[in-house]
Amino acid sequence: MCGRFTQTHSAAELAAMFDLEETPDWQPRYNIAPTQPILAIVTPHHSKPLRWGLIPSWSKDPTIGSRLINARAETVSEKPAFRTAFRRRRCLIPADGYYEWKKQSEKKQPFYFRLESGEPFAFAGLWEHWNSPEGDEIETCTIITTEANELAATVHDRMPVILSEDLYDRWLDPDFKSPQSLLHPYASGKMISYPVSTAVNRPTHDTPDCIARLN
């Protein structure tokens, strides 16, 4: 699964890298956790804030979102919670790394995964509208996961789907008929990972030391 990630680039850098028409309201983040607001690109050149944890439009209970932070690539087109969004509301979720935990003896050691280049990338995501009984609208999202590549598999058997830049437009296009074909593990040779401090275990700890390599 993917339960924490980073997006440490500035709003201006993101606007340039993803060719956004407007600079988003965004501050660098080093420990993004479920239920928190994240930045997502919902159509080419346009971004918006979404809450991480998808609430299906038909759900009567908004707390379901905290359990739907990820969608499995193998079943995303079939699951009632995700299938409509998979057809109509795919999004890009900018990131530059993510965390995963490996059990070592009696404790879990966090590892940080990123591209070897250090450049930002995009997770394959889905987003959805939800209206409360009081008429309030909440927009939420989920990150799609797939089987781990060789590097990620040393820590966990799943990893988030990382899309290469040439796939962005196809993923966002609701008329593209084969989005499932884009959901595969990213090349392990283009990624690195290393252990980081257990300080990242706390969702409130959101500072640059989160991504510092342990000696």
N, C-alpha and C. Protein backbone atom coordinates (compact mmCIF):
# COMPACT_ATOMS: atom_id res chain seq x y z
N MET A 1 0.84 -1.19 0.00
CA MET A 1 0.00 0.00 0.00
C MET A 1 0.88 1.24 0.00
N CYS A 2 0.26 2.37 -0.14
CA CYS A 2 0.96 3.65 -0.04
C CYS A 2 0.22 4.48 0.99
N GLY A 3 0.84 4.68 2.17
CA GLY A 3 0.17 5.37 3.24
C GLY A 3 0.80 6.69 3.64
N ARG A 4 1.94 7.02 3.08
CA ARG A 4 2.60 8.32 3.31
C ARG A 4 3.42 8.66 2.07
N PHE A 5 3.47 9.94 1.73
CA PHE A 5 4.33 10.35 0.63
C PHE A 5 4.76 11.79 0.80
N THR A 6 5.62 12.24 -0.11
CA THR A 6 6.16 13.60 -0.05
C THR A 6 5.90 14.33 -1.35
N GLN A 7 5.81 15.65 -1.24
CA GLN A 7 5.84 16.54 -2.40
C GLN A 7 6.54 17.80 -1.93
N THR A 8 7.86 17.80 -2.12
CA THR A 8 8.69 18.82 -1.49
C THR A 8 9.04 19.98 -2.42
N HIS A 9 8.56 19.95 -3.65
CA HIS A 9 8.85 21.05 -4.57
C HIS A 9 7.89 22.21 -4.34
N SER A 10 8.32 23.40 -4.74
CA SER A 10 7.51 24.59 -4.54
C SER A 10 6.34 24.62 -5.51
N ALA A 11 5.37 25.47 -5.21
CA ALA A 11 4.21 25.62 -6.09
C ALA A 11 4.63 26.07 -7.48
N ALA A 12 5.59 26.98 -7.55
CA ALA A 12 6.05 27.47 -8.85
C ALA A 12 6.72 26.35 -9.64
N GLU A 13 7.50 25.53 -8.97
CA GLU A 13 8.16 24.40 -9.65
C GLU A 13 7.13 23.41 -10.18
N LEU A 14 6.11 23.13 -9.38
CA LEU A 14 5.06 22.20 -9.82
C LEU A 14 4.31 22.76 -11.01
N ALA A 15 4.01 24.05 -10.98
CA ALA A 15 3.30 24.67 -12.09
C ALA A 15 4.10 24.54 -13.38
N ALA A 16 5.41 24.71 -13.29
CA ALA A 16 6.26 24.59 -14.48
C ALA A 16 6.39 23.14 -14.93
N MET A 17 6.59 22.24 -13.99
CA MET A 17 6.82 20.83 -14.34
C MET A 17 5.60 20.16 -14.93
N PHE A 18 4.41 20.56 -14.46
CA PHE A 18 3.18 19.94 -14.93
C PHE A 18 2.38 20.86 -15.86
N ASP A 19 3.01 21.95 -16.29
CA ASP A 19 2.42 22.86 -17.28
C ASP A 19 1.04 23.33 -16.83
N LEU A 20 0.95 23.80 -15.59
CA LEU A 20 -0.32 24.28 -15.05
C LEU A 20 -0.55 25.73 -15.44
N GLU A 21 -1.80 26.07 -15.71
CA GLU A 21 -2.13 27.43 -16.11
C GLU A 21 -2.03 28.41 -14.95
N GLU A 22 -2.27 27.92 -13.72
CA GLU A 22 -2.17 28.76 -12.54
C GLU A 22 -1.26 28.09 -11.51
N THR A 23 -0.54 28.92 -10.77
CA THR A 23 0.31 28.39 -9.71
C THR A 23 -0.57 27.95 -8.54
N PRO A 24 -0.48 26.71 -8.13
CA PRO A 24 -1.37 26.22 -7.07
C PRO A 24 -1.01 26.78 -5.70
N ASP A 25 -1.98 26.76 -4.82
CA ASP A 25 -1.76 27.14 -3.42
C ASP A 25 -1.19 25.92 -2.71
N TRP A 26 0.12 25.86 -2.61
CA TRP A 26 0.77 24.65 -2.12
C TRP A 26 2.07 24.97 -1.41
N GLN A 27 2.31 24.32 -0.28
CA GLN A 27 3.57 24.42 0.43
C GLN A 27 4.25 23.05 0.42
N PRO A 28 5.57 22.99 0.31
CA PRO A 28 6.26 21.70 0.31
C PRO A 28 5.88 20.86 1.53
N ARG A 29 5.69 19.57 1.29
CA ARG A 29 5.28 18.64 2.35
C ARG A 29 6.24 17.45 2.38
N TYR A 30 6.59 17.03 3.60
CA TYR A 30 7.56 15.94 3.79
C TYR A 30 6.95 14.69 4.41
N ASN A 31 5.66 14.74 4.74
CA ASN A 31 5.03 13.59 5.38
C ASN A 31 3.51 13.69 5.22
N ILE A 32 3.04 13.51 4.00
CA ILE A 32 1.61 13.62 3.72
C ILE A 32 0.93 12.34 4.16
N ALA A 33 -0.14 12.48 4.94
CA ALA A 33 -0.83 11.32 5.52
C ALA A 33 -2.29 11.29 5.08
N PRO A 34 -2.92 10.13 5.17
CA PRO A 34 -4.34 10.01 4.81
C PRO A 34 -5.22 11.01 5.55
N THR A 35 -6.27 11.42 4.89
CA THR A 35 -7.29 12.41 5.30
C THR A 35 -6.78 13.84 5.20
N GLN A 36 -5.51 14.04 4.87
CA GLN A 36 -4.99 15.39 4.71
C GLN A 36 -5.22 15.88 3.28
N PRO A 37 -5.23 17.21 3.08
CA PRO A 37 -5.38 17.74 1.72
C PRO A 37 -4.12 17.51 0.90
N ILE A 38 -4.30 17.16 -0.36
CA ILE A 38 -3.17 16.99 -1.27
C ILE A 38 -3.48 17.74 -2.56
N LEU A 39 -2.47 17.92 -3.38
CA LEU A 39 -2.65 18.56 -4.68
C LEU A 39 -2.83 17.50 -5.74
N ALA A 40 -3.81 17.68 -6.62
CA ALA A 40 -4.03 16.73 -7.71
C ALA A 40 -4.30 17.48 -9.00
N ILE A 41 -3.90 16.87 -10.11
CA ILE A 41 -4.17 17.41 -11.44
C ILE A 41 -5.33 16.62 -12.01
N VAL A 42 -6.46 17.29 -12.23
CA VAL A 42 -7.69 16.59 -12.60
C VAL A 42 -8.00 16.69 -14.09
N THR A 43 -7.47 17.70 -14.75
CA THR A 43 -7.53 17.84 -16.20
C THR A 43 -6.20 18.44 -16.64
N PRO A 44 -5.82 18.29 -17.90
CA PRO A 44 -4.55 18.88 -18.33
C PRO A 44 -4.49 20.37 -17.99
N HIS A 45 -3.41 20.78 -17.35
CA HIS A 45 -3.11 22.17 -17.02
C HIS A 45 -3.90 22.71 -15.83
N HIS A 46 -4.69 21.87 -15.15
CA HIS A 46 -5.49 22.36 -14.02
C HIS A 46 -5.35 21.44 -12.81
N SER A 47 -5.12 22.07 -11.65
CA SER A 47 -5.00 21.31 -10.40
C SER A 47 -6.05 21.78 -9.41
N LYS A 48 -6.26 20.97 -8.39
CA LYS A 48 -7.15 21.35 -7.29
C LYS A 48 -6.76 20.56 -6.05
N PRO A 49 -7.11 21.09 -4.86
CA PRO A 49 -6.86 20.33 -3.63
C PRO A 49 -7.94 19.27 -3.44
N LEU A 50 -7.52 18.09 -3.02
CA LEU A 50 -8.43 16.99 -2.72
C LEU A 50 -8.04 16.38 -1.37
N ARG A 51 -9.01 15.80 -0.69
CA ARG A 51 -8.71 15.11 0.56
C ARG A 51 -8.35 13.66 0.26
N TRP A 52 -7.24 13.21 0.85
CA TRP A 52 -6.77 11.85 0.57
C TRP A 52 -7.60 10.81 1.33
N GLY A 53 -8.29 9.98 0.58
CA GLY A 53 -9.18 8.96 1.12
C GLY A 53 -10.52 9.09 0.42
N LEU A 54 -10.75 8.28 -0.61
CA LEU A 54 -11.90 8.48 -1.49
C LEU A 54 -13.21 8.09 -0.82
N ILE A 55 -14.18 9.02 -0.89
CA ILE A 55 -15.55 8.75 -0.43
C ILE A 55 -16.41 8.54 -1.67
N PRO A 56 -16.91 7.34 -1.92
CA PRO A 56 -17.78 7.12 -3.08
C PRO A 56 -19.01 8.02 -3.03
N SER A 57 -19.48 8.44 -4.18
CA SER A 57 -20.61 9.37 -4.22
C SER A 57 -21.85 8.80 -3.56
N TRP A 58 -21.99 7.47 -3.55
CA TRP A 58 -23.18 6.84 -3.01
C TRP A 58 -23.08 6.53 -1.52
N SER A 59 -21.92 6.75 -0.92
CA SER A 59 -21.73 6.37 0.48
C SER A 59 -22.53 7.27 1.41
N LYS A 60 -23.10 6.68 2.44
CA LYS A 60 -23.81 7.44 3.46
C LYS A 60 -22.88 7.81 4.63
N ASP A 61 -21.70 7.21 4.66
CA ASP A 61 -20.77 7.40 5.77
C ASP A 61 -19.44 7.95 5.25
N PRO A 62 -19.14 9.22 5.51
CA PRO A 62 -17.89 9.79 4.98
C PRO A 62 -16.64 9.20 5.60
N THR A 63 -16.76 8.53 6.74
CA THR A 63 -15.56 7.95 7.36
C THR A 63 -14.99 6.80 6.55
N ILE A 64 -15.74 6.31 5.57
CA ILE A 64 -15.23 5.25 4.70
C ILE A 64 -13.96 5.70 3.97
N GLY A 65 -13.83 7.01 3.77
CA GLY A 65 -12.68 7.53 3.05
C GLY A 65 -11.35 7.17 3.68
N SER A 66 -11.30 7.10 5.01
CA SER A 66 -10.04 6.77 5.68
C SER A 66 -9.58 5.35 5.39
N ARG A 67 -10.49 4.51 4.88
CA ARG A 67 -10.14 3.13 4.54
C ARG A 67 -9.90 2.95 3.05
N LEU A 68 -10.15 4.01 2.27
CA LEU A 68 -10.01 3.91 0.81
C LEU A 68 -8.93 4.86 0.31
N ILE A 69 -7.76 4.78 0.95
CA ILE A 69 -6.64 5.63 0.52
C ILE A 69 -5.93 5.04 -0.68
N ASN A 70 -6.12 3.74 -0.91
CA ASN A 70 -5.51 3.05 -2.06
C ASN A 70 -6.56 2.23 -2.79
N ALA A 71 -6.33 2.04 -4.09
CA ALA A 71 -7.16 1.16 -4.92
C ALA A 71 -6.22 0.21 -5.66
N ARG A 72 -6.51 -1.07 -5.64
CA ARG A 72 -5.65 -2.05 -6.29
C ARG A 72 -5.85 -2.00 -7.81
N ALA A 73 -4.75 -1.93 -8.55
CA ALA A 73 -4.82 -1.87 -10.02
C ALA A 73 -5.56 -3.06 -10.60
N GLU A 74 -5.41 -4.21 -9.96
CA GLU A 74 -5.99 -5.44 -10.50
C GLU A 74 -7.52 -5.45 -10.44
N THR A 75 -8.11 -4.68 -9.52
CA THR A 75 -9.57 -4.73 -9.32
C THR A 75 -10.24 -3.37 -9.39
N VAL A 76 -9.49 -2.32 -9.68
CA VAL A 76 -10.05 -0.96 -9.62
C VAL A 76 -11.21 -0.75 -10.58
N SER A 77 -11.22 -1.45 -11.70
CA SER A 77 -12.30 -1.27 -12.68
C SER A 77 -13.57 -1.99 -12.28
N GLU A 78 -13.49 -2.85 -11.25
CA GLU A 78 -14.63 -3.66 -10.86
C GLU A 78 -15.24 -3.26 -9.52
N LYS A 79 -14.44 -2.75 -8.60
CA LYS A 79 -14.93 -2.45 -7.26
C LYS A 79 -15.94 -1.30 -7.29
N PRO A 80 -17.09 -1.47 -6.64
CA PRO A 80 -18.11 -0.41 -6.64
C PRO A 80 -17.59 0.93 -6.15
N ALA A 81 -16.66 0.92 -5.21
CA ALA A 81 -16.15 2.17 -4.66
C ALA A 81 -15.35 2.98 -5.67
N PHE A 82 -14.77 2.30 -6.68
CA PHE A 82 -13.83 2.96 -7.58
C PHE A 82 -14.22 2.96 -9.05
N ARG A 83 -15.10 2.07 -9.48
CA ARG A 83 -15.25 1.85 -10.92
C ARG A 83 -15.77 3.07 -11.68
N THR A 84 -16.66 3.87 -11.07
CA THR A 84 -17.15 5.06 -11.77
C THR A 84 -16.04 6.08 -11.91
N ALA A 85 -15.30 6.32 -10.84
CA ALA A 85 -14.18 7.26 -10.91
C ALA A 85 -13.12 6.77 -11.89
N PHE A 86 -12.91 5.47 -11.95
CA PHE A 86 -11.92 4.92 -12.87
C PHE A 86 -12.29 5.23 -14.32
N ARG A 87 -13.57 5.25 -14.61
CA ARG A 87 -14.01 5.57 -15.97
C ARG A 87 -14.00 7.08 -16.24
N ARG A 88 -14.36 7.88 -15.25
CA ARG A 88 -14.66 9.28 -15.51
C ARG A 88 -13.74 10.30 -14.83
N ARG A 89 -13.14 9.93 -13.71
CA ARG A 89 -12.42 10.93 -12.91
C ARG A 89 -11.05 10.40 -12.49
N ARG A 90 -10.19 10.24 -13.46
CA ARG A 90 -8.80 9.87 -13.16
C ARG A 90 -7.99 11.15 -12.93
N CYS A 91 -7.00 11.07 -12.10
CA CYS A 91 -6.19 12.25 -11.80
C CYS A 91 -4.72 11.87 -11.64
N LEU A 92 -3.88 12.87 -11.70
CA LEU A 92 -2.46 12.75 -11.40
C LEU A 92 -2.21 13.34 -10.02
N ILE A 93 -1.45 12.64 -9.20
CA ILE A 93 -1.11 13.15 -7.88
C ILE A 93 0.39 13.38 -7.83
N PRO A 94 0.82 14.65 -7.95
CA PRO A 94 2.25 14.94 -7.94
C PRO A 94 2.91 14.50 -6.62
N ALA A 95 4.09 13.95 -6.75
CA ALA A 95 4.86 13.48 -5.58
C ALA A 95 6.33 13.46 -5.96
N ASP A 96 7.19 13.33 -4.98
CA ASP A 96 8.60 13.09 -5.29
C ASP A 96 9.18 11.96 -4.46
N GLY A 97 8.33 11.27 -3.70
CA GLY A 97 8.78 10.10 -2.96
C GLY A 97 7.66 9.56 -2.10
N TYR A 98 7.87 8.36 -1.59
CA TYR A 98 6.88 7.78 -0.67
C TYR A 98 7.60 6.91 0.36
N TYR A 99 6.91 6.63 1.45
CA TYR A 99 7.46 5.83 2.54
C TYR A 99 6.80 4.46 2.59
N GLU A 100 7.58 3.49 3.00
CA GLU A 100 7.05 2.15 3.26
C GLU A 100 7.82 1.58 4.45
N TRP A 101 7.15 0.71 5.22
CA TRP A 101 7.73 0.19 6.45
C TRP A 101 8.06 -1.29 6.30
N LYS A 102 9.23 -1.67 6.81
CA LYS A 102 9.67 -3.06 6.78
C LYS A 102 9.85 -3.57 8.21
N LYS A 103 9.24 -4.71 8.49
CA LYS A 103 9.37 -5.27 9.83
C LYS A 103 10.77 -5.84 10.01
N GLN A 104 11.45 -5.37 11.04
CA GLN A 104 12.79 -5.85 11.37
C GLN A 104 12.82 -6.18 12.85
N SER A 105 12.96 -7.46 13.15
CA SER A 105 12.89 -7.93 14.54
C SER A 105 11.54 -7.55 15.12
N GLU A 106 11.54 -6.73 16.18
CA GLU A 106 10.28 -6.38 16.85
C GLU A 106 9.79 -4.99 16.46
N LYS A 107 10.43 -4.34 15.53
CA LYS A 107 10.01 -3.00 15.15
C LYS A 107 9.90 -2.88 13.64
N LYS A 108 9.31 -1.79 13.19
CA LYS A 108 9.19 -1.52 11.76
C LYS A 108 10.09 -0.34 11.40
N GLN A 109 10.90 -0.55 10.38
CA GLN A 109 11.83 0.47 9.91
C GLN A 109 11.26 1.16 8.68
N PRO A 110 11.08 2.50 8.71
CA PRO A 110 10.59 3.19 7.51
C PRO A 110 11.70 3.34 6.47
N PHE A 111 11.31 3.17 5.21
CA PHE A 111 12.19 3.40 4.07
C PHE A 111 11.56 4.46 3.17
N TYR A 112 12.41 5.25 2.54
CA TYR A 112 11.96 6.28 1.61
C TYR A 112 12.32 5.85 0.20
N PHE A 113 11.35 5.92 -0.70
CA PHE A 113 11.53 5.57 -2.11
C PHE A 113 11.36 6.82 -2.96
N ARG A 114 12.27 7.00 -3.92
CA ARG A 114 12.15 8.13 -4.85
C ARG A 114 12.83 7.76 -6.16
N LEU A 115 12.67 8.62 -7.16
CA LEU A 115 13.39 8.43 -8.41
C LEU A 115 14.87 8.74 -8.19
N GLU A 116 15.72 8.04 -8.88
CA GLU A 116 17.16 8.28 -8.75
C GLU A 116 17.51 9.71 -9.14
N SER A 117 16.76 10.27 -10.08
CA SER A 117 17.01 11.63 -10.54
C SER A 117 16.61 12.69 -9.53
N GLY A 118 15.76 12.33 -8.58
CA GLY A 118 15.25 13.30 -7.62
C GLY A 118 14.11 14.15 -8.14
N GLU A 119 13.73 13.93 -9.39
CA GLU A 119 12.66 14.71 -10.01
C GLU A 119 11.30 14.29 -9.47
N PRO A 120 10.33 15.22 -9.51
CA PRO A 120 8.97 14.84 -9.13
C PRO A 120 8.35 13.94 -10.20
N PHE A 121 7.28 13.27 -9.82
CA PHE A 121 6.58 12.36 -10.72
C PHE A 121 5.10 12.44 -10.39
N ALA A 122 4.31 11.55 -10.91
CA ALA A 122 2.87 11.54 -10.61
C ALA A 122 2.40 10.13 -10.33
N PHE A 123 1.66 9.99 -9.22
CA PHE A 123 0.93 8.75 -8.97
C PHE A 123 -0.33 8.73 -9.83
N ALA A 124 -0.76 7.55 -10.23
CA ALA A 124 -2.07 7.39 -10.85
C ALA A 124 -3.12 7.43 -9.75
N GLY A 125 -4.06 8.36 -9.87
CA GLY A 125 -5.09 8.50 -8.85
C GLY A 125 -6.48 8.58 -9.43
N LEU A 126 -7.46 8.51 -8.55
CA LEU A 126 -8.87 8.71 -8.89
C LEU A 126 -9.44 9.74 -7.93
N TRP A 127 -10.44 10.48 -8.39
CA TRP A 127 -11.07 11.44 -7.49
C TRP A 127 -12.58 11.37 -7.61
N GLU A 128 -13.25 11.92 -6.61
CA GLU A 128 -14.71 11.78 -6.53
C GLU A 128 -15.33 12.96 -5.78
N HIS A 129 -16.59 13.26 -6.13
CA HIS A 129 -17.40 14.23 -5.38
C HIS A 129 -18.26 13.47 -4.37
N TRP A 130 -18.46 14.09 -3.21
CA TRP A 130 -19.41 13.53 -2.23
C TRP A 130 -20.17 14.68 -1.60
N ASN A 131 -21.48 14.54 -1.52
CA ASN A 131 -22.33 15.57 -0.92
C ASN A 131 -22.90 15.07 0.40
N SER A 132 -22.70 15.85 1.44
CA SER A 132 -23.22 15.49 2.75
C SER A 132 -24.72 15.75 2.81
N PRO A 133 -25.42 15.18 3.79
CA PRO A 133 -26.86 15.46 3.95
C PRO A 133 -27.14 16.95 4.15
N GLU A 134 -26.14 17.68 4.66
CA GLU A 134 -26.32 19.12 4.87
C GLU A 134 -26.04 19.92 3.61
N GLY A 135 -25.61 19.24 2.54
CA GLY A 135 -25.36 19.92 1.28
C GLY A 135 -23.92 20.34 1.06
N ASP A 136 -23.03 19.97 1.97
CA ASP A 136 -21.62 20.31 1.79
C ASP A 136 -20.97 19.33 0.81
N GLU A 137 -20.13 19.86 -0.08
CA GLU A 137 -19.44 19.00 -1.04
C GLU A 137 -18.01 18.76 -0.57
N ILE A 138 -17.60 17.50 -0.60
CA ILE A 138 -16.22 17.13 -0.29
C ILE A 138 -15.65 16.41 -1.51
N GLU A 139 -14.45 16.82 -1.93
CA GLU A 139 -13.78 16.17 -3.06
C GLU A 139 -12.58 15.40 -2.53
N THR A 140 -12.54 14.12 -2.87
CA THR A 140 -11.55 13.22 -2.28
C THR A 140 -10.84 12.42 -3.36
N CYS A 141 -9.80 11.70 -2.97
CA CYS A 141 -9.04 10.94 -3.96
C CYS A 141 -8.43 9.69 -3.34
N THR A 142 -7.95 8.82 -4.21
CA THR A 142 -7.22 7.62 -3.80
C THR A 142 -6.04 7.42 -4.73
N ILE A 143 -5.03 6.70 -4.26
CA ILE A 143 -3.84 6.38 -5.04
C ILE A 143 -3.90 4.91 -5.45
N ILE A 144 -3.68 4.64 -6.72
CA ILE A 144 -3.72 3.26 -7.21
C ILE A 144 -2.39 2.57 -6.95
N THR A 145 -2.46 1.33 -6.49
CA THR A 145 -1.26 0.54 -6.23
C THR A 145 -1.20 -0.67 -7.16
N THR A 146 0.00 -1.19 -7.32
CA THR A 146 0.23 -2.38 -8.14
C THR A 146 1.25 -3.27 -7.44
N GLU A 147 1.57 -4.40 -8.05
CA GLU A 147 2.58 -5.26 -7.45
C GLU A 147 3.92 -4.53 -7.43
N ALA A 148 4.73 -4.84 -6.44
CA ALA A 148 6.00 -4.14 -6.26
C ALA A 148 7.01 -4.53 -7.33
N ASN A 149 7.86 -3.57 -7.72
CA ASN A 149 9.00 -3.92 -8.56
C ASN A 149 10.09 -4.54 -7.69
N GLU A 150 11.22 -4.88 -8.27
CA GLU A 150 12.26 -5.60 -7.53
C GLU A 150 12.78 -4.80 -6.34
N LEU A 151 12.91 -3.49 -6.51
CA LEU A 151 13.41 -2.65 -5.42
C LEU A 151 12.38 -2.56 -4.30
N ALA A 152 11.15 -2.22 -4.66
CA ALA A 152 10.11 -2.05 -3.64
C ALA A 152 9.81 -3.35 -2.92
N ALA A 153 9.95 -4.47 -3.62
CA ALA A 153 9.63 -5.78 -3.03
C ALA A 153 10.55 -6.15 -1.88
N THR A 154 11.68 -5.47 -1.74
CA THR A 154 12.56 -5.74 -0.61
C THR A 154 11.94 -5.24 0.70
N VAL A 155 10.91 -4.40 0.58
CA VAL A 155 10.26 -3.83 1.76
C VAL A 155 8.79 -4.22 1.85
N HIS A 156 8.09 -4.22 0.71
CA HIS A 156 6.64 -4.48 0.71
C HIS A 156 6.26 -5.11 -0.62
N ASP A 157 5.12 -5.82 -0.64
CA ASP A 157 4.71 -6.49 -1.88
C ASP A 157 3.86 -5.62 -2.80
N ARG A 158 3.58 -4.36 -2.39
CA ARG A 158 2.82 -3.43 -3.22
C ARG A 158 3.59 -2.12 -3.33
N MET A 159 3.26 -1.36 -4.38
CA MET A 159 3.81 -0.02 -4.53
C MET A 159 2.80 0.84 -5.28
N PRO A 160 2.87 2.17 -5.13
CA PRO A 160 1.97 3.03 -5.89
C PRO A 160 2.32 3.00 -7.37
N VAL A 161 1.32 3.17 -8.21
CA VAL A 161 1.55 3.27 -9.65
C VAL A 161 2.14 4.64 -9.96
N ILE A 162 3.36 4.65 -10.48
CA ILE A 162 4.04 5.87 -10.91
C ILE A 162 3.95 5.94 -12.42
N LEU A 163 3.37 7.02 -12.92
CA LEU A 163 3.19 7.18 -14.36
C LEU A 163 4.35 7.99 -14.95
N SER A 164 4.86 7.56 -16.08
CA SER A 164 5.86 8.36 -16.78
C SER A 164 5.17 9.53 -17.47
N GLU A 165 5.93 10.58 -17.73
CA GLU A 165 5.36 11.82 -18.23
C GLU A 165 4.59 11.64 -19.54
N ASP A 166 5.04 10.73 -20.38
CA ASP A 166 4.38 10.54 -21.67
C ASP A 166 3.00 9.90 -21.54
N LEU A 167 2.64 9.44 -20.34
CA LEU A 167 1.33 8.81 -20.12
C LEU A 167 0.33 9.75 -19.46
N TYR A 168 0.76 10.93 -19.07
CA TYR A 168 -0.12 11.83 -18.32
C TYR A 168 -1.42 12.13 -19.06
N ASP A 169 -1.30 12.56 -20.30
CA ASP A 169 -2.50 12.97 -21.05
C ASP A 169 -3.46 11.80 -21.26
N ARG A 170 -2.91 10.64 -21.53
CA ARG A 170 -3.78 9.48 -21.72
C ARG A 170 -4.52 9.13 -20.43
N TRP A 171 -3.81 9.19 -19.32
CA TRP A 171 -4.45 8.86 -18.05
C TRP A 171 -5.58 9.84 -17.72
N LEU A 172 -5.40 11.09 -18.04
CA LEU A 172 -6.41 12.10 -17.73
C LEU A 172 -7.58 12.12 -18.70
N ASP A 173 -7.41 11.52 -19.86
CA ASP A 173 -8.43 11.57 -20.91
C ASP A 173 -9.56 10.58 -20.60
N PRO A 174 -10.78 11.07 -20.29
CA PRO A 174 -11.88 10.14 -19.98
C PRO A 174 -12.31 9.31 -21.18
N ASP A 175 -11.90 9.71 -22.37
CA ASP A 175 -12.24 8.94 -23.57
C ASP A 175 -11.23 7.84 -23.89
N PHE A 176 -10.12 7.82 -23.17
CA PHE A 176 -9.13 6.76 -23.38
C PHE A 176 -9.71 5.46 -22.84
N LYS A 177 -9.78 4.45 -23.69
CA LYS A 177 -10.53 3.23 -23.37
C LYS A 177 -9.70 2.15 -22.66
N SER A 178 -8.40 2.33 -22.56
CA SER A 178 -7.57 1.26 -21.98
C SER A 178 -6.71 1.76 -20.81
N PRO A 179 -7.30 2.46 -19.84
CA PRO A 179 -6.47 2.96 -18.74
C PRO A 179 -5.81 1.86 -17.93
N GLN A 180 -6.42 0.68 -17.91
CA GLN A 180 -5.84 -0.44 -17.17
C GLN A 180 -4.45 -0.80 -17.70
N SER A 181 -4.22 -0.55 -18.97
CA SER A 181 -2.93 -0.90 -19.58
C SER A 181 -1.78 -0.04 -19.07
N LEU A 182 -2.10 1.06 -18.39
CA LEU A 182 -1.07 1.96 -17.89
C LEU A 182 -0.64 1.64 -16.47
N LEU A 183 -1.32 0.69 -15.86
CA LEU A 183 -1.12 0.41 -14.43
C LEU A 183 -0.15 -0.75 -14.23
N HIS A 184 1.12 -0.44 -14.17
CA HIS A 184 2.14 -1.47 -13.98
C HIS A 184 3.27 -0.92 -13.12
N PRO A 185 4.12 -1.76 -12.57
CA PRO A 185 5.21 -1.29 -11.71
C PRO A 185 6.20 -0.41 -12.47
N TYR A 186 6.67 0.63 -11.81
CA TYR A 186 7.69 1.49 -12.39
C TYR A 186 9.03 0.75 -12.41
N ALA A 187 9.88 1.10 -13.36
CA ALA A 187 11.18 0.43 -13.50
C ALA A 187 12.04 0.61 -12.25
N SER A 188 12.43 -0.49 -11.64
CA SER A 188 13.20 -0.41 -10.39
C SER A 188 14.57 0.22 -10.61
N GLY A 189 15.13 0.09 -11.81
CA GLY A 189 16.44 0.65 -12.08
C GLY A 189 16.48 2.16 -12.08
N LYS A 190 15.31 2.80 -12.11
CA LYS A 190 15.23 4.26 -12.10
C LYS A 190 14.89 4.81 -10.72
N MET A 191 14.85 3.92 -9.72
CA MET A 191 14.48 4.33 -8.37
C MET A 191 15.58 3.98 -7.37
N ILE A 192 15.55 4.65 -6.24
CA ILE A 192 16.41 4.30 -5.11
C ILE A 192 15.57 4.29 -3.84
N SER A 193 16.09 3.63 -2.81
CA SER A 193 15.43 3.66 -1.50
C SER A 193 16.49 3.65 -0.42
N TYR A 194 16.12 4.14 0.75
CA TYR A 194 17.04 4.13 1.88
C TYR A 194 16.25 4.29 3.18
N PRO A 195 16.81 3.82 4.30
CA PRO A 195 16.10 3.95 5.58
C PRO A 195 16.10 5.38 6.08
N VAL A 196 15.03 5.74 6.77
CA VAL A 196 14.89 7.08 7.36
C VAL A 196 14.47 6.95 8.82
N SER A 197 14.45 8.05 9.50
CA SER A 197 14.13 8.07 10.93
C SER A 197 12.68 7.66 11.19
N THR A 198 12.47 7.01 12.32
CA THR A 198 11.11 6.65 12.73
C THR A 198 10.29 7.88 13.12
N ALA A 199 10.88 9.05 13.08
CA ALA A 199 10.12 10.28 13.32
C ALA A 199 8.98 10.42 12.31
N VAL A 200 9.17 9.83 11.12
CA VAL A 200 8.14 9.90 10.09
C VAL A 200 6.90 9.11 10.49
N ASN A 201 7.01 8.26 11.49
CA ASN A 201 5.84 7.51 11.95
C ASN A 201 4.73 8.43 12.43
N ARG A 202 5.09 9.62 12.91
CA ARG A 202 4.10 10.56 13.42
C ARG A 202 3.60 11.43 12.28
N PRO A 203 2.31 11.39 11.96
CA PRO A 203 1.79 12.21 10.85
C PRO A 203 2.00 13.70 11.05
N THR A 204 2.13 14.13 12.30
CA THR A 204 2.32 15.56 12.57
C THR A 204 3.76 16.00 12.33
N HIS A 205 4.67 15.06 12.16
CA HIS A 205 6.07 15.40 11.92
C HIS A 205 6.26 15.60 10.41
N ASP A 206 6.42 16.85 9.99
CA ASP A 206 6.41 17.19 8.56
C ASP A 206 7.52 18.19 8.27
N THR A 207 8.75 17.74 8.40
CA THR A 207 9.92 18.60 8.21
C THR A 207 10.95 17.89 7.34
N PRO A 208 11.92 18.63 6.80
CA PRO A 208 12.89 18.02 5.87
C PRO A 208 13.66 16.83 6.43
N ASP A 209 13.81 16.74 7.75
CA ASP A 209 14.57 15.62 8.30
C ASP A 209 13.86 14.28 8.08
N CYS A 210 12.57 14.32 7.70
CA CYS A 210 11.84 13.08 7.42
C CYS A 210 12.51 12.27 6.31
N ILE A 211 13.09 12.96 5.33
CA ILE A 211 13.64 12.26 4.17
C ILE A 211 15.16 12.11 4.24
N ALA A 212 15.75 12.47 5.39
CA ALA A 212 17.21 12.34 5.54
C ALA A 212 17.58 10.87 5.68
N ARG A 213 18.62 10.46 4.98
CA ARG A 213 19.08 9.07 5.02
C ARG A 213 19.71 8.76 6.38
N LEU A 214 19.33 7.62 6.95
CA LEU A 214 19.97 7.17 8.18
C LEU A 214 21.38 6.67 7.86
N ASN A 215 22.33 6.98 8.73
CA ASN A 215 23.70 6.50 8.54
C ASN A 215 23.78 5.02 8.92
